[in-house]
């Protein structure tokens, strides 16, 4: 028996998803709630542990994170009563035998939000990266259009990495523009650590005239991390949804 959880959380108060000694993490909080109800072991005889679709970093949010564990489903209302108010389990449903939230995911979609105005935002604080100077919105769209397809994203992840594969298939990428908030949406088969945040940081440099579209295009063929832009802050990023099948 396997259960699939759909979860949302405000990443501000967490050291990321993954369990870390001495740190508050999303994984540890949810596993603690599950163990309170179900006990310490899964139905497979192993310690009750969550597999997760996307291991978000410190400060990154989730609107539709997916996790799985080897035990029966628990009413989300019951779990949420055991969790702090910056995490909510949205759904808990039986999954096919052998389902693994990470291994079986076919794609993940992230959204990065930018508050593009001169004055800082009170209500977008912790939800969007404040960018007070002028941006060329058309340049952002042109950058996003270059991302479609399979590329080498070596330049967009830290040099010290556990990744052995750097080619990702981007299925969609676009900037949605509002009056003040810009949203970068990207769906891919996999993501490298910090990839979305470095992409955003580099695209913002193109849009502010600090580098050219051609510079950005060349980076998609692989390159050193030092050739790409700065890593945009974590608080603008959210894991929006995970697809299966």
C-alpha atoms as a PDB file:
ATOM      1  CA  UNK A   1       0.000   0.000   0.000  1.00  0.00           C
ATOM      2  CA  UNK A   2       1.347   3.389  -1.066  1.00  0.00           C
ATOM      3  CA  UNK A   3      -0.089   6.856  -0.423  1.00  0.00           C
ATOM      4  CA  UNK A   4       0.417   9.949  -2.568  1.00  0.00           C
ATOM      5  CA  UNK A   5       0.388  13.330  -0.800  1.00  0.00           C
ATOM      6  CA  UNK A   6      -0.115  16.713  -2.425  1.00  0.00           C
ATOM      7  CA  UNK A   7       1.367  19.455  -0.282  1.00  0.00           C
ATOM      8  CA  UNK A   8       1.797  23.207  -0.188  1.00  0.00           C
ATOM      9  CA  UNK A   9       4.155  25.169   2.038  1.00  0.00           C
ATOM     10  CA  UNK A  10       5.679  28.545   2.669  1.00  0.00           C
ATOM     11  CA  UNK A  11       9.402  27.876   2.486  1.00  0.00           C
ATOM     12  CA  UNK A  12      10.425  30.935   4.506  1.00  0.00           C
ATOM     13  CA  UNK A  13      10.847  29.144   7.811  1.00  0.00           C
ATOM     14  CA  UNK A  14      12.434  25.965   6.469  1.00  0.00           C
ATOM     15  CA  UNK A  15      15.974  24.877   5.639  1.00  0.00           C
ATOM     16  CA  UNK A  16      14.500  23.184   2.559  1.00  0.00           C
ATOM     17  CA  UNK A  17      12.609  19.970   2.005  1.00  0.00           C
ATOM     18  CA  UNK A  18      15.223  17.382   2.969  1.00  0.00           C
ATOM     19  CA  UNK A  19      15.840  16.288   6.529  1.00  0.00           C
ATOM     20  CA  UNK A  20      18.975  17.935   8.040  1.00  0.00           C
ATOM     21  CA  UNK A  21      20.381  17.563  11.562  1.00  0.00           C
ATOM     22  CA  UNK A  22      19.450  20.504  13.782  1.00  0.00           C
ATOM     23  CA  UNK A  23      17.346  22.208  11.083  1.00  0.00           C
ATOM     24  CA  UNK A  24      13.612  22.615  10.592  1.00  0.00           C
ATOM     25  CA  UNK A  25      12.662  20.953   7.305  1.00  0.00           C
ATOM     26  CA  UNK A  26       9.419  20.169   5.530  1.00  0.00           C
ATOM     27  CA  UNK A  27      10.215  16.466   5.309  1.00  0.00           C
ATOM     28  CA  UNK A  28      10.853  16.154   9.033  1.00  0.00           C
ATOM     29  CA  UNK A  29       7.663  18.032   9.958  1.00  0.00           C
ATOM     30  CA  UNK A  30       5.403  15.889   7.774  1.00  0.00           C
ATOM     31  CA  UNK A  31       7.101  12.619   8.717  1.00  0.00           C
ATOM     32  CA  UNK A  32       6.665  13.496  12.394  1.00  0.00           C
ATOM     33  CA  UNK A  33       2.918  14.043  11.846  1.00  0.00           C
ATOM     34  CA  UNK A  34       2.610  10.763   9.935  1.00  0.00           C
ATOM     35  CA  UNK A  35       4.479   8.815  12.619  1.00  0.00           C
ATOM     36  CA  UNK A  36       2.166  10.261  15.271  1.00  0.00           C
ATOM     37  CA  UNK A  37      -0.795   8.697  13.469  1.00  0.00           C
ATOM     38  CA  UNK A  38       0.676   5.605  11.804  1.00  0.00           C
ATOM     39  CA  UNK A  39       3.660   4.652  13.927  1.00  0.00           C
ATOM     40  CA  UNK A  40       7.356   4.584  13.096  1.00  0.00           C
ATOM     41  CA  UNK A  41       7.312   1.948  10.343  1.00  0.00           C
ATOM     42  CA  UNK A  42       5.774   1.737   6.906  1.00  0.00           C
ATOM     43  CA  UNK A  43       3.904  -1.336   5.686  1.00  0.00           C
ATOM     44  CA  UNK A  44       7.105  -2.399   3.918  1.00  0.00           C
ATOM     45  CA  UNK A  45       8.737  -2.890   7.331  1.00  0.00           C
ATOM     46  CA  UNK A  46      11.120   0.003   6.783  1.00  0.00           C
ATOM     47  CA  UNK A  47      11.132   3.258   8.818  1.00  0.00           C
ATOM     48  CA  UNK A  48       8.331   5.537   7.628  1.00  0.00           C
ATOM     49  CA  UNK A  49       9.972   7.871   5.097  1.00  0.00           C
ATOM     50  CA  UNK A  50       8.725  10.192   2.389  1.00  0.00           C
ATOM     51  CA  UNK A  51       9.885  10.113  -1.222  1.00  0.00           C
ATOM     52  CA  UNK A  52       9.443  13.519  -2.833  1.00  0.00           C
ATOM     53  CA  UNK A  53       9.091  14.830  -6.374  1.00  0.00           C
ATOM     54  CA  UNK A  54      11.210  17.954  -5.890  1.00  0.00           C
ATOM     55  CA  UNK A  55      13.753  18.582  -3.130  1.00  0.00           C
ATOM     56  CA  UNK A  56      13.239  22.318  -2.725  1.00  0.00           C
ATOM     57  CA  UNK A  57      16.038  24.450  -1.246  1.00  0.00           C
ATOM     58  CA  UNK A  58      15.942  26.734   1.792  1.00  0.00           C
ATOM     59  CA  UNK A  59      13.330  29.460   1.314  1.00  0.00           C
ATOM     60  CA  UNK A  60      11.686  27.956  -1.808  1.00  0.00           C
ATOM     61  CA  UNK A  61       7.903  27.558  -1.672  1.00  0.00           C
ATOM     62  CA  UNK A  62       5.615  24.828  -3.019  1.00  0.00           C
ATOM     63  CA  UNK A  63       2.061  25.069  -4.313  1.00  0.00           C
ATOM     64  CA  UNK A  64       1.808  21.477  -5.511  1.00  0.00           C
ATOM     65  CA  UNK A  65       4.617  19.362  -4.077  1.00  0.00           C
ATOM     66  CA  UNK A  66       4.059  15.591  -4.272  1.00  0.00           C
ATOM     67  CA  UNK A  67       5.383  12.980  -1.831  1.00  0.00           C
ATOM     68  CA  UNK A  68       4.729   9.290  -1.255  1.00  0.00           C
ATOM     69  CA  UNK A  69       5.089   6.766   1.557  1.00  0.00           C
ATOM     70  CA  UNK A  70       4.419   3.062   2.165  1.00  0.00           C
ATOM     71  CA  UNK A  71       1.343   3.131   4.394  1.00  0.00           C
ATOM     72  CA  UNK A  72      -2.365   3.902   4.366  1.00  0.00           C
ATOM     73  CA  UNK A  73      -3.738   7.358   3.615  1.00  0.00           C
ATOM     74  CA  UNK A  74      -4.513   9.727   6.488  1.00  0.00           C
ATOM     75  CA  UNK A  75      -7.243  12.373   6.301  1.00  0.00           C
ATOM     76  CA  UNK A  76      -5.514  15.669   5.408  1.00  0.00           C
ATOM     77  CA  UNK A  77      -7.525  17.458   8.089  1.00  0.00           C
ATOM     78  CA  UNK A  78      -6.048  15.150  10.703  1.00  0.00           C
ATOM     79  CA  UNK A  79      -2.492  15.663   9.428  1.00  0.00           C
ATOM     80  CA  UNK A  80      -2.918  19.419   9.183  1.00  0.00           C
ATOM     81  CA  UNK A  81      -4.006  19.484  12.809  1.00  0.00           C
ATOM     82  CA  UNK A  82      -0.537  18.178  13.670  1.00  0.00           C
ATOM     83  CA  UNK A  83       1.336  20.616  11.420  1.00  0.00           C
ATOM     84  CA  UNK A  84       2.280  24.275  11.794  1.00  0.00           C
ATOM     85  CA  UNK A  85       0.355  26.745   9.658  1.00  0.00           C
ATOM     86  CA  UNK A  86       3.119  27.129   7.052  1.00  0.00           C
ATOM     87  CA  UNK A  87       2.480  23.573   5.735  1.00  0.00           C
ATOM     88  CA  UNK A  88      -0.783  22.105   4.459  1.00  0.00           C
ATOM     89  CA  UNK A  89      -1.517  18.656   3.093  1.00  0.00           C
ATOM     90  CA  UNK A  90      -4.036  19.232   0.291  1.00  0.00           C
ATOM     91  CA  UNK A  91      -4.737  15.603  -0.594  1.00  0.00           C
ATOM     92  CA  UNK A  92      -3.848  12.081   0.551  1.00  0.00           C
ATOM     93  CA  UNK A  93      -4.855   9.336  -1.847  1.00  0.00           C
ATOM     94  CA  UNK A  94      -4.005   5.690  -2.531  1.00  0.00           C
ATOM     95  CA  UNK A  95      -1.419   5.215  -5.278  1.00  0.00           C
ATOM     96  CA  UNK A  96      -0.527   2.180  -7.405  1.00  0.00           C
ATOM     97  CA  UNK A  97       1.730  -0.384  -5.763  1.00  0.00           C
ATOM     98  CA  UNK A  98       5.366   0.631  -6.190  1.00  0.00           C
ATOM     99  CA  UNK A  99       4.545   4.296  -6.872  1.00  0.00           C
ATOM    100  CA  UNK A 100       7.422   6.634  -6.061  1.00  0.00           C
ATOM    101  CA  UNK A 101       6.779  10.389  -6.136  1.00  0.00           C
ATOM    102  CA  UNK A 102      10.274  11.198  -7.389  1.00  0.00           C
ATOM    103  CA  UNK A 103      11.070   8.298  -9.709  1.00  0.00           C
ATOM    104  CA  UNK A 104       7.665   8.233 -11.434  1.00  0.00           C
ATOM    105  CA  UNK A 105       7.347  11.982 -12.093  1.00  0.00           C
ATOM    106  CA  UNK A 106       7.364  12.803 -15.810  1.00  0.00           C
ATOM    107  CA  UNK A 107       7.763  16.555 -15.385  1.00  0.00           C
ATOM    108  CA  UNK A 108       7.837  19.344 -12.830  1.00  0.00           C
ATOM    109  CA  UNK A 109       6.683  22.937 -13.262  1.00  0.00           C
ATOM    110  CA  UNK A 110       8.130  25.911 -11.375  1.00  0.00           C
ATOM    111  CA  UNK A 111       7.119  29.555 -11.202  1.00  0.00           C
ATOM    112  CA  UNK A 112       9.466  32.425 -10.356  1.00  0.00           C
ATOM    113  CA  UNK A 113       7.859  35.776  -9.475  1.00  0.00           C
ATOM    114  CA  UNK A 114       9.475  39.200  -9.877  1.00  0.00           C
ATOM    115  CA  UNK A 115       8.020  42.432  -8.498  1.00  0.00           C
ATOM    116  CA  UNK A 116       9.114  44.955 -11.129  1.00  0.00           C
ATOM    117  CA  UNK A 117       8.497  48.442  -9.761  1.00  0.00           C
ATOM    118  CA  UNK A 118      10.465  51.243  -8.110  1.00  0.00           C
ATOM    119  CA  UNK A 119       8.880  50.937  -4.658  1.00  0.00           C
ATOM    120  CA  UNK A 120       9.369  47.811  -2.597  1.00  0.00           C
ATOM    121  CA  UNK A 121       6.296  45.674  -1.966  1.00  0.00           C
ATOM    122  CA  UNK A 122       4.817  44.960   1.441  1.00  0.00           C
ATOM    123  CA  UNK A 123       2.400  42.216   0.382  1.00  0.00           C
ATOM    124  CA  UNK A 124       4.804  40.549  -2.073  1.00  0.00           C
ATOM    125  CA  UNK A 125       7.602  40.452   0.497  1.00  0.00           C
ATOM    126  CA  UNK A 126       8.819  36.872   0.742  1.00  0.00           C
ATOM    127  CA  UNK A 127       6.801  35.935  -2.372  1.00  0.00           C
ATOM    128  CA  UNK A 128       8.522  37.835  -5.196  1.00  0.00           C
ATOM    129  CA  UNK A 129      12.003  39.152  -5.964  1.00  0.00           C
ATOM    130  CA  UNK A 130      11.913  42.963  -5.968  1.00  0.00           C
ATOM    131  CA  UNK A 131      13.544  44.461  -9.079  1.00  0.00           C
ATOM    132  CA  UNK A 132      13.413  48.291  -8.874  1.00  0.00           C
ATOM    133  CA  UNK A 133      15.094  49.174 -12.192  1.00  0.00           C
ATOM    134  CA  UNK A 134      13.782  49.074 -15.750  1.00  0.00           C
ATOM    135  CA  UNK A 135      13.417  45.745 -17.559  1.00  0.00           C
ATOM    136  CA  UNK A 136      12.938  44.930 -21.243  1.00  0.00           C
ATOM    137  CA  UNK A 137       9.993  42.546 -21.063  1.00  0.00           C
ATOM    138  CA  UNK A 138      10.397  41.542 -24.717  1.00  0.00           C
ATOM    139  CA  UNK A 139      13.979  40.451 -23.989  1.00  0.00           C
ATOM    140  CA  UNK A 140      12.689  38.216 -21.188  1.00  0.00           C
ATOM    141  CA  UNK A 141      10.231  36.577 -23.587  1.00  0.00           C
ATOM    142  CA  UNK A 142      12.948  36.027 -26.178  1.00  0.00           C
ATOM    143  CA  UNK A 143      15.141  34.358 -23.563  1.00  0.00           C
ATOM    144  CA  UNK A 144      12.294  32.063 -22.541  1.00  0.00           C
ATOM    145  CA  UNK A 145      11.680  31.051 -26.149  1.00  0.00           C
ATOM    146  CA  UNK A 146      15.309  29.912 -26.412  1.00  0.00           C
ATOM    147  CA  UNK A 147      14.763  27.409 -23.593  1.00  0.00           C
ATOM    148  CA  UNK A 148      12.340  25.158 -25.463  1.00  0.00           C
ATOM    149  CA  UNK A 149      13.862  21.746 -26.225  1.00  0.00           C
ATOM    150  CA  UNK A 150      16.839  19.866 -24.801  1.00  0.00           C
ATOM    151  CA  UNK A 151      19.898  21.820 -23.653  1.00  0.00           C
ATOM    152  CA  UNK A 152      23.024  21.493 -21.545  1.00  0.00           C
ATOM    153  CA  UNK A 153      22.421  23.482 -18.337  1.00  0.00           C
ATOM    154  CA  UNK A 154      25.893  23.047 -16.814  1.00  0.00           C
ATOM    155  CA  UNK A 155      26.315  26.839 -16.598  1.00  0.00           C
ATOM    156  CA  UNK A 156      23.154  27.138 -14.506  1.00  0.00           C
ATOM    157  CA  UNK A 157      24.073  24.891 -11.572  1.00  0.00           C
ATOM    158  CA  UNK A 158      26.840  25.127  -8.948  1.00  0.00           C
ATOM    159  CA  UNK A 159      30.235  23.753  -9.962  1.00  0.00           C
ATOM    160  CA  UNK A 160      30.288  21.496  -6.906  1.00  0.00           C
ATOM    161  CA  UNK A 161      27.374  19.199  -7.683  1.00  0.00           C
ATOM    162  CA  UNK A 162      26.162  15.630  -7.355  1.00  0.00           C
ATOM    163  CA  UNK A 163      24.562  15.751 -10.802  1.00  0.00           C
ATOM    164  CA  UNK A 164      25.978  13.481 -13.490  1.00  0.00           C
ATOM    165  CA  UNK A 165      23.473  14.452 -16.174  1.00  0.00           C
ATOM    166  CA  UNK A 166      23.194  18.089 -17.258  1.00  0.00           C
ATOM    167  CA  UNK A 167      20.911  17.901 -20.282  1.00  0.00           C
ATOM    168  CA  UNK A 168      17.285  18.726 -19.470  1.00  0.00           C
ATOM    169  CA  UNK A 169      14.275  18.698 -21.752  1.00  0.00           C
ATOM    170  CA  UNK A 170      12.323  21.947 -21.352  1.00  0.00           C
ATOM    171  CA  UNK A 171       8.743  21.357 -22.456  1.00  0.00           C
ATOM    172  CA  UNK A 172       7.494  24.898 -21.966  1.00  0.00           C
ATOM    173  CA  UNK A 173       8.915  28.206 -20.777  1.00  0.00           C
ATOM    174  CA  UNK A 174       7.337  31.649 -20.773  1.00  0.00           C
ATOM    175  CA  UNK A 175       7.188  34.961 -18.958  1.00  0.00           C
ATOM    176  CA  UNK A 176       3.701  36.154 -18.015  1.00  0.00           C
ATOM    177  CA  UNK A 177       3.526  39.889 -17.487  1.00  0.00           C
ATOM    178  CA  UNK A 178       1.122  41.750 -15.239  1.00  0.00           C
ATOM    179  CA  UNK A 179       0.971  45.371 -14.205  1.00  0.00           C
ATOM    180  CA  UNK A 180       3.810  44.947 -11.698  1.00  0.00           C
ATOM    181  CA  UNK A 181       4.463  41.238 -11.167  1.00  0.00           C
ATOM    182  CA  UNK A 182       6.290  39.178 -13.785  1.00  0.00           C
ATOM    183  CA  UNK A 183       6.065  35.379 -13.609  1.00  0.00           C
ATOM    184  CA  UNK A 184       8.485  32.962 -15.229  1.00  0.00           C
ATOM    185  CA  UNK A 185       6.880  29.538 -15.760  1.00  0.00           C
ATOM    186  CA  UNK A 186       8.970  26.545 -16.806  1.00  0.00           C
ATOM    187  CA  UNK A 187       8.180  22.835 -17.186  1.00  0.00           C
ATOM    188  CA  UNK A 188      10.927  20.252 -17.722  1.00  0.00           C
ATOM    189  CA  UNK A 189      11.615  16.570 -17.287  1.00  0.00           C
ATOM    190  CA  UNK A 190      14.211  17.361 -14.605  1.00  0.00           C
ATOM    191  CA  UNK A 191      15.938  20.334 -12.977  1.00  0.00           C
ATOM    192  CA  UNK A 192      19.456  20.830 -11.686  1.00  0.00           C
ATOM    193  CA  UNK A 193      20.144  22.417  -8.320  1.00  0.00           C
ATOM    194  CA  UNK A 194      19.602  26.214  -8.460  1.00  0.00           C
ATOM    195  CA  UNK A 195      18.873  25.931 -12.210  1.00  0.00           C
ATOM    196  CA  UNK A 196      15.691  27.999 -12.202  1.00  0.00           C
ATOM    197  CA  UNK A 197      17.148  30.718 -10.008  1.00  0.00           C
ATOM    198  CA  UNK A 198      20.302  31.076 -12.118  1.00  0.00           C
ATOM    199  CA  UNK A 199      18.204  31.117 -15.287  1.00  0.00           C
ATOM    200  CA  UNK A 200      16.111  33.951 -13.848  1.00  0.00           C
ATOM    201  CA  UNK A 201      19.175  35.868 -12.648  1.00  0.00           C
ATOM    202  CA  UNK A 202      20.763  35.570 -16.106  1.00  0.00           C
ATOM    203  CA  UNK A 203      17.582  36.516 -17.991  1.00  0.00           C
ATOM    204  CA  UNK A 204      17.182  39.597 -15.801  1.00  0.00           C
ATOM    205  CA  UNK A 205      20.706  40.635 -16.796  1.00  0.00           C
ATOM    206  CA  UNK A 206      19.713  40.338 -20.462  1.00  0.00           C
ATOM    207  CA  UNK A 207      16.531  42.333 -19.819  1.00  0.00           C
ATOM    208  CA  UNK A 208      18.469  45.080 -18.045  1.00  0.00           C
ATOM    209  CA  UNK A 209      21.065  45.391 -20.814  1.00  0.00           C
ATOM    210  CA  UNK A 210      23.974  43.817 -18.951  1.00  0.00           C
ATOM    211  CA  UNK A 211      24.379  40.970 -21.430  1.00  0.00           C
ATOM    212  CA  UNK A 212      23.022  40.048 -24.859  1.00  0.00           C
ATOM    213  CA  UNK A 213      20.521  37.453 -25.979  1.00  0.00           C
ATOM    214  CA  UNK A 214      23.339  35.782 -27.896  1.00  0.00           C
ATOM    215  CA  UNK A 215      25.331  35.468 -24.652  1.00  0.00           C
ATOM    216  CA  UNK A 216      22.343  33.722 -23.090  1.00  0.00           C
ATOM    217  CA  UNK A 217      21.861  31.445 -26.101  1.00  0.00           C
ATOM    218  CA  UNK A 218      25.498  30.298 -25.986  1.00  0.00           C
ATOM    219  CA  UNK A 219      25.161  29.276 -22.340  1.00  0.00           C
ATOM    220  CA  UNK A 220      22.543  26.689 -23.329  1.00  0.00           C
ATOM    221  CA  UNK A 221      25.265  24.667 -25.068  1.00  0.00           C
ATOM    222  CA  UNK A 222      27.070  24.194 -21.757  1.00  0.00           C
ATOM    223  CA  UNK A 223      29.579  26.409 -20.012  1.00  0.00           C
ATOM    224  CA  UNK A 224      31.176  27.307 -16.714  1.00  0.00           C
ATOM    225  CA  UNK A 225      28.963  28.499 -13.869  1.00  0.00           C
ATOM    226  CA  UNK A 226      31.002  31.726 -13.799  1.00  0.00           C
ATOM    227  CA  UNK A 227      29.746  32.600 -17.288  1.00  0.00           C
ATOM    228  CA  UNK A 228      26.088  32.775 -16.223  1.00  0.00           C
ATOM    229  CA  UNK A 229      24.377  35.397 -14.072  1.00  0.00           C
ATOM    230  CA  UNK A 230      23.747  35.646 -10.362  1.00  0.00           C
ATOM    231  CA  UNK A 231      21.475  33.236  -8.532  1.00  0.00           C
ATOM    232  CA  UNK A 232      18.114  34.934  -7.963  1.00  0.00           C
ATOM    233  CA  UNK A 233      16.842  34.793  -4.343  1.00  0.00           C
ATOM    234  CA  UNK A 234      15.002  31.665  -3.224  1.00  0.00           C
ATOM    235  CA  UNK A 235      11.843  33.407  -2.020  1.00  0.00           C
ATOM    236  CA  UNK A 236      10.630  34.184  -5.552  1.00  0.00           C
ATOM    237  CA  UNK A 237      10.510  30.511  -6.541  1.00  0.00           C
ATOM    238  CA  UNK A 238       7.716  27.976  -6.074  1.00  0.00           C
ATOM    239  CA  UNK A 239       7.248  24.383  -7.201  1.00  0.00           C
ATOM    240  CA  UNK A 240       3.871  24.736  -8.886  1.00  0.00           C
ATOM    241  CA  UNK A 241       2.935  21.203  -9.927  1.00  0.00           C
ATOM    242  CA  UNK A 242       4.218  17.720 -10.720  1.00  0.00           C
ATOM    243  CA  UNK A 243       2.946  15.557 -13.602  1.00  0.00           C
ATOM    244  CA  UNK A 244       2.859  11.775 -13.867  1.00  0.00           C
ATOM    245  CA  UNK A 245       2.344   9.486 -16.823  1.00  0.00           C
END
